[in-house]
Amino acid sequence: MPQLAMEIGAAARVLKLLGDPTRLTILAILNQRECCVCELLEVFSTSQPAISQHLRKLKDAGLIKEERRGQWVYYSLRPQSEYYSLLQAVLSYVPDQDENIRKIETANPTARCGC
């Protein structure tokens, strides 16, 4: 019985992370493409440290992974996560992020970090 309670507790922590609109939007974007922090800044009116903090929380929960390429770090969903199917179920109810992805892809590249 205690094992079940731990699993429910962990699932509750993940669902709590998904309850934040910024984190949920980040995950929805990452469900469609990988991004670096500077690309996500094109979507949100918040600071780079704030976006980095959201990404850290998602990474600590095992929902996303990072890949370093030179001096840039790219984030994507982590399909190996034990909560990946839960995440996909939640994201199926979230609108697609085509408009936000357009913002990222049409942003002035010199205004970004260079990734």
Foldseek 3Di string as FASTA:
>chain_A
DVVVVVVVVLVVVVVVLCPDPLLVVVQLVLVVPKAFLQLSCLVDVDDSVVSVVNVVVCVVSVQKDWDDDPPTIIIHGDCVHPCNVVSVVVSVPPDHCVVSVVSSVPDDCVVTPND
